[in-house]
Structure formats: structure tokens, C-alpha cells
């Protein structure tokens, strides 16, 4: 019975997050781990895994007919992308 109660509260918490995704915030540790592990995860994940990973960073990502990417980042990542220290492609990403 305790397990049912535990899972019920977890389901309620996840349902609330689904209804209000803008309220989901990463902790500092989660944020740093995401940045550290994202390149390796992109190499290892299947299409669905890559989609989930990209949705955690980007609000919108589009690729046009010339394979040029345009994107809008979530606020916590927006400053990093605009920084001159972060490169958006090249040999370091492959």
C-alpha cells in the first residue's frame, strides 16, 4: 500500500510538470551535468533520445532546405549560446 501511495504522489508531481512545463527548473548540478554529457549523449542516443535531449535545451529548433539550423534556446541556455566561448559546430562536435 505504501508503494501505491508513493507512486501516486510521483504521478501527481509529473502530471503537474506536464501541465506547467515552464515551471520545471534544473538544479545547478543537473544543468552542469547536461552540458557536460550532451555531446556524448548525442552520439549514443537514438532519434527519440536526441529529441528529448534537444527539448531540454531548445524551445524551438528548425533546419531549412540548405541544412542551416535556426534555434531559440531556453533562457538558462540562451546566454551560453550567445557567448563567444561556445562554438555552435565544427570538428569539436563530431
N, C-alpha and C. Protein backbone atom coordinates (compact mmCIF):
# COMPACT_ATOMS: atom_id res chain seq x y z
N UNK A 1 0.81 -1.19 0.00
CA UNK A 1 0.00 0.00 0.00
C UNK A 1 0.86 1.27 0.00
N UNK A 2 2.01 1.22 0.68
CA UNK A 2 2.90 2.38 0.73
C UNK A 2 3.47 2.69 -0.64
N UNK A 3 3.77 1.62 -1.41
CA UNK A 3 4.30 1.82 -2.76
C UNK A 3 3.26 2.49 -3.65
N UNK A 4 2.02 2.11 -3.50
CA UNK A 4 0.95 2.73 -4.31
C UNK A 4 0.86 4.21 -3.99
N UNK A 5 0.94 4.54 -2.72
CA UNK A 5 0.89 5.95 -2.31
C UNK A 5 2.09 6.71 -2.86
N UNK A 6 3.26 6.09 -2.78
CA UNK A 6 4.49 6.72 -3.30
C UNK A 6 4.36 6.99 -4.79
N UNK A 7 3.94 5.98 -5.54
CA UNK A 7 3.81 6.14 -6.99
C UNK A 7 2.70 7.13 -7.34
N UNK A 8 1.65 7.15 -6.54
CA UNK A 8 0.57 8.11 -6.77
C UNK A 8 1.05 9.54 -6.64
N UNK A 9 1.90 9.79 -5.64
CA UNK A 9 2.42 11.15 -5.47
C UNK A 9 3.40 11.50 -6.58
N UNK A 10 4.20 10.52 -7.04
CA UNK A 10 5.11 10.77 -8.15
C UNK A 10 4.33 11.08 -9.43
N UNK A 11 3.26 10.35 -9.67
CA UNK A 11 2.42 10.60 -10.85
C UNK A 11 1.80 11.98 -10.77
N UNK A 12 1.33 12.37 -9.60
CA UNK A 12 0.74 13.71 -9.43
C UNK A 12 1.78 14.80 -9.71
N UNK A 13 3.00 14.60 -9.23
CA UNK A 13 4.07 15.58 -9.45
C UNK A 13 4.40 15.68 -10.94
N UNK A 14 4.52 14.55 -11.62
CA UNK A 14 4.83 14.57 -13.05
C UNK A 14 3.69 15.15 -13.86
N UNK A 15 2.46 14.87 -13.48
CA UNK A 15 1.30 15.44 -14.16
C UNK A 15 1.30 16.96 -14.04
N UNK A 16 1.65 17.46 -12.87
CA UNK A 16 1.74 18.91 -12.67
C UNK A 16 2.82 19.52 -13.55
N UNK A 17 3.96 18.83 -13.69
CA UNK A 17 5.04 19.33 -14.55
C UNK A 17 4.61 19.34 -16.01
N UNK A 18 3.85 18.35 -16.43
CA UNK A 18 3.37 18.31 -17.81
C UNK A 18 2.43 19.48 -18.08
N UNK A 19 1.59 19.80 -17.12
CA UNK A 19 0.63 20.90 -17.29
C UNK A 19 1.30 22.26 -17.29
N UNK A 20 2.43 22.38 -16.57
CA UNK A 20 3.12 23.66 -16.47
C UNK A 20 4.62 23.46 -16.72
N UNK A 21 5.01 23.18 -17.98
CA UNK A 21 6.43 22.90 -18.24
C UNK A 21 7.36 24.08 -17.98
N UNK A 22 6.82 25.30 -18.03
CA UNK A 22 7.67 26.46 -17.77
C UNK A 22 8.14 26.53 -16.32
N UNK A 23 7.50 25.76 -15.44
CA UNK A 23 7.87 25.75 -14.03
C UNK A 23 9.00 24.77 -13.72
N UNK A 24 9.37 23.95 -14.70
CA UNK A 24 10.42 22.97 -14.48
C UNK A 24 11.78 23.66 -14.58
N UNK A 25 12.52 23.65 -13.50
CA UNK A 25 13.84 24.28 -13.47
C UNK A 25 14.89 23.23 -13.14
N UNK A 26 16.02 23.33 -13.79
CA UNK A 26 17.12 22.43 -13.50
C UNK A 26 17.89 22.94 -12.29
N UNK A 27 18.36 22.02 -11.47
CA UNK A 27 19.27 22.42 -10.41
C UNK A 27 20.61 22.75 -11.04
N UNK A 28 21.49 23.38 -10.30
CA UNK A 28 22.82 23.71 -10.83
C UNK A 28 23.57 22.44 -11.25
N UNK A 29 23.48 21.41 -10.45
CA UNK A 29 24.15 20.14 -10.77
C UNK A 29 23.57 19.52 -12.03
N UNK A 30 22.24 19.50 -12.16
CA UNK A 30 21.60 18.94 -13.35
C UNK A 30 22.01 19.73 -14.59
N UNK A 31 22.04 21.06 -14.46
CA UNK A 31 22.43 21.93 -15.57
C UNK A 31 23.86 21.63 -16.03
N UNK A 32 24.80 21.55 -15.08
CA UNK A 32 26.19 21.29 -15.42
C UNK A 32 26.37 19.89 -16.00
N UNK A 33 25.66 18.90 -15.44
CA UNK A 33 25.74 17.55 -15.98
C UNK A 33 25.20 17.48 -17.40
N UNK A 34 24.11 18.20 -17.66
CA UNK A 34 23.54 18.23 -19.01
C UNK A 34 24.54 18.79 -20.00
N UNK A 35 25.19 19.90 -19.64
CA UNK A 35 26.19 20.50 -20.53
C UNK A 35 27.39 19.57 -20.73
N UNK A 36 27.81 18.92 -19.67
CA UNK A 36 28.99 18.05 -19.74
C UNK A 36 28.72 16.81 -20.59
N UNK A 37 27.53 16.24 -20.46
CA UNK A 37 27.23 14.96 -21.09
C UNK A 37 26.53 15.06 -22.44
N UNK A 38 26.05 16.24 -22.82
CA UNK A 38 25.26 16.38 -24.05
C UNK A 38 25.99 15.90 -25.31
N UNK A 39 27.25 16.24 -25.54
CA UNK A 39 27.90 15.77 -26.77
C UNK A 39 27.96 14.24 -26.88
N UNK A 40 28.32 13.57 -25.79
CA UNK A 40 28.40 12.11 -25.81
C UNK A 40 27.00 11.50 -25.97
N UNK A 41 26.01 12.08 -25.31
CA UNK A 41 24.65 11.57 -25.42
C UNK A 41 24.12 11.71 -26.84
N UNK A 42 24.47 12.79 -27.51
CA UNK A 42 24.01 12.97 -28.89
C UNK A 42 24.60 11.89 -29.79
N UNK A 43 25.82 11.46 -29.51
CA UNK A 43 26.43 10.38 -30.31
C UNK A 43 25.78 9.03 -30.02
N UNK A 44 25.38 8.81 -28.77
CA UNK A 44 24.91 7.49 -28.36
C UNK A 44 23.40 7.29 -28.47
N UNK A 45 22.62 8.36 -28.37
CA UNK A 45 21.16 8.22 -28.33
C UNK A 45 20.59 7.89 -29.70
N UNK A 46 19.42 7.25 -29.68
CA UNK A 46 18.65 7.07 -30.89
C UNK A 46 17.87 8.36 -31.16
N UNK A 47 17.03 8.38 -32.18
CA UNK A 47 16.30 9.59 -32.56
C UNK A 47 15.45 10.13 -31.41
N UNK A 48 14.74 9.26 -30.72
CA UNK A 48 13.88 9.70 -29.61
C UNK A 48 14.72 10.29 -28.48
N UNK A 49 15.82 9.66 -28.14
CA UNK A 49 16.69 10.19 -27.10
C UNK A 49 17.27 11.54 -27.45
N UNK A 50 17.67 11.71 -28.71
CA UNK A 50 18.18 13.00 -29.16
C UNK A 50 17.09 14.07 -29.08
N UNK A 51 15.87 13.70 -29.45
CA UNK A 51 14.75 14.64 -29.39
C UNK A 51 14.52 15.11 -27.95
N UNK A 52 14.54 14.17 -27.02
CA UNK A 52 14.34 14.51 -25.60
C UNK A 52 15.47 15.42 -25.11
N UNK A 53 16.70 15.11 -25.46
CA UNK A 53 17.84 15.92 -25.05
C UNK A 53 17.73 17.34 -25.62
N UNK A 54 17.42 17.44 -26.90
CA UNK A 54 17.33 18.76 -27.52
C UNK A 54 16.18 19.58 -26.95
N UNK A 55 15.08 18.93 -26.60
CA UNK A 55 13.95 19.65 -26.00
C UNK A 55 14.30 20.20 -24.62
N UNK A 56 15.29 19.62 -23.95
CA UNK A 56 15.69 20.15 -22.65
C UNK A 56 16.54 21.41 -22.79
N UNK A 57 17.10 21.65 -23.99
CA UNK A 57 17.95 22.82 -24.22
C UNK A 57 17.24 23.88 -25.06
N UNK A 58 16.52 23.47 -26.09
CA UNK A 58 15.94 24.40 -27.05
C UNK A 58 14.43 24.51 -26.90
N UNK A 59 13.92 25.72 -27.10
CA UNK A 59 12.48 25.93 -27.20
C UNK A 59 12.00 25.58 -28.61
N UNK A 60 12.83 25.91 -29.60
CA UNK A 60 12.47 25.67 -30.98
C UNK A 60 13.76 25.47 -31.78
N UNK A 61 13.77 24.45 -32.62
CA UNK A 61 14.93 24.15 -33.46
C UNK A 61 14.41 23.76 -34.83
N UNK A 62 14.88 24.45 -35.86
CA UNK A 62 14.45 24.16 -37.22
C UNK A 62 15.67 24.06 -38.13
N UNK A 63 15.58 23.19 -39.12
CA UNK A 63 16.63 23.06 -40.12
C UNK A 63 15.98 23.29 -41.48
N UNK A 64 16.52 24.26 -42.24
CA UNK A 64 15.90 24.58 -43.53
C UNK A 64 16.42 23.67 -44.64
N UNK A 65 16.02 23.93 -45.87
CA UNK A 65 16.38 23.08 -47.01
C UNK A 65 17.88 23.07 -47.29
N UNK A 66 18.58 24.11 -46.88
CA UNK A 66 20.03 24.18 -47.06
C UNK A 66 20.78 23.62 -45.84
N UNK A 67 20.08 22.91 -44.97
CA UNK A 67 20.65 22.33 -43.75
C UNK A 67 21.21 23.38 -42.80
N UNK A 68 20.66 24.58 -42.83
CA UNK A 68 21.05 25.63 -41.89
C UNK A 68 20.10 25.59 -40.70
N UNK A 69 20.68 25.52 -39.51
CA UNK A 69 19.87 25.44 -38.29
C UNK A 69 19.53 26.84 -37.79
N UNK A 70 18.31 26.99 -37.33
CA UNK A 70 17.91 28.20 -36.61
C UNK A 70 17.24 27.72 -35.32
N UNK A 71 17.50 28.42 -34.23
CA UNK A 71 17.01 27.92 -32.95
C UNK A 71 16.71 29.04 -31.98
N UNK A 72 15.88 28.73 -31.02
CA UNK A 72 15.56 29.59 -29.90
C UNK A 72 15.80 28.75 -28.65
N UNK A 73 16.73 29.20 -27.82
CA UNK A 73 17.10 28.43 -26.63
C UNK A 73 16.22 28.78 -25.45
N UNK A 74 16.17 27.86 -24.51
CA UNK A 74 15.54 28.15 -23.23
C UNK A 74 16.39 29.22 -22.54
N UNK A 75 15.78 30.05 -21.70
CA UNK A 75 16.51 31.18 -21.09
C UNK A 75 17.81 30.79 -20.40
N UNK A 76 17.82 29.65 -19.70
CA UNK A 76 19.04 29.29 -18.97
C UNK A 76 20.20 28.93 -19.88
N UNK A 77 19.93 28.61 -21.15
CA UNK A 77 20.98 28.29 -22.10
C UNK A 77 21.26 29.44 -23.06
N UNK A 78 20.38 30.40 -23.15
CA UNK A 78 20.49 31.47 -24.12
C UNK A 78 21.79 32.25 -23.98
N UNK A 79 22.18 32.58 -22.76
CA UNK A 79 23.42 33.32 -22.55
C UNK A 79 24.65 32.53 -22.96
N UNK A 80 24.61 31.22 -22.79
CA UNK A 80 25.75 30.40 -23.18
C UNK A 80 25.94 30.38 -24.69
N UNK A 81 24.85 30.29 -25.42
CA UNK A 81 24.93 30.23 -26.88
C UNK A 81 25.44 31.56 -27.43
N UNK A 82 25.06 32.67 -26.82
CA UNK A 82 25.49 33.99 -27.29
C UNK A 82 26.94 34.29 -26.90
N UNK A 83 27.48 33.53 -25.96
CA UNK A 83 28.86 33.75 -25.51
C UNK A 83 29.84 33.39 -26.61
N UNK A 84 30.91 34.14 -26.70
CA UNK A 84 31.92 33.86 -27.73
C UNK A 84 32.73 32.61 -27.41
N UNK A 85 32.64 32.11 -26.17
CA UNK A 85 33.39 30.92 -25.78
C UNK A 85 32.72 29.62 -26.25
N UNK A 86 31.46 29.68 -26.64
CA UNK A 86 30.74 28.48 -27.05
C UNK A 86 30.65 28.46 -28.56
N UNK A 87 31.06 27.36 -29.17
CA UNK A 87 31.02 27.22 -30.61
C UNK A 87 29.80 26.40 -31.00
N UNK A 88 29.14 26.77 -32.07
CA UNK A 88 27.90 26.11 -32.45
C UNK A 88 28.11 24.98 -33.45
N UNK A 89 29.32 24.58 -33.69
CA UNK A 89 29.55 23.47 -34.61
C UNK A 89 31.02 23.31 -34.89
N UNK A 90 31.33 22.48 -35.85
CA UNK A 90 32.71 22.25 -36.22
C UNK A 90 33.22 20.92 -35.72
N UNK A 91 34.52 20.74 -35.83
CA UNK A 91 35.14 19.45 -35.51
C UNK A 91 34.93 19.03 -34.05
N UNK A 92 34.84 19.99 -33.14
CA UNK A 92 34.72 19.61 -31.73
C UNK A 92 33.39 18.94 -31.41
N UNK A 93 32.39 19.06 -32.29
CA UNK A 93 31.07 18.48 -32.04
C UNK A 93 30.89 17.13 -32.70
N UNK A 94 31.86 16.68 -33.47
CA UNK A 94 31.69 15.40 -34.16
C UNK A 94 32.56 14.34 -33.58
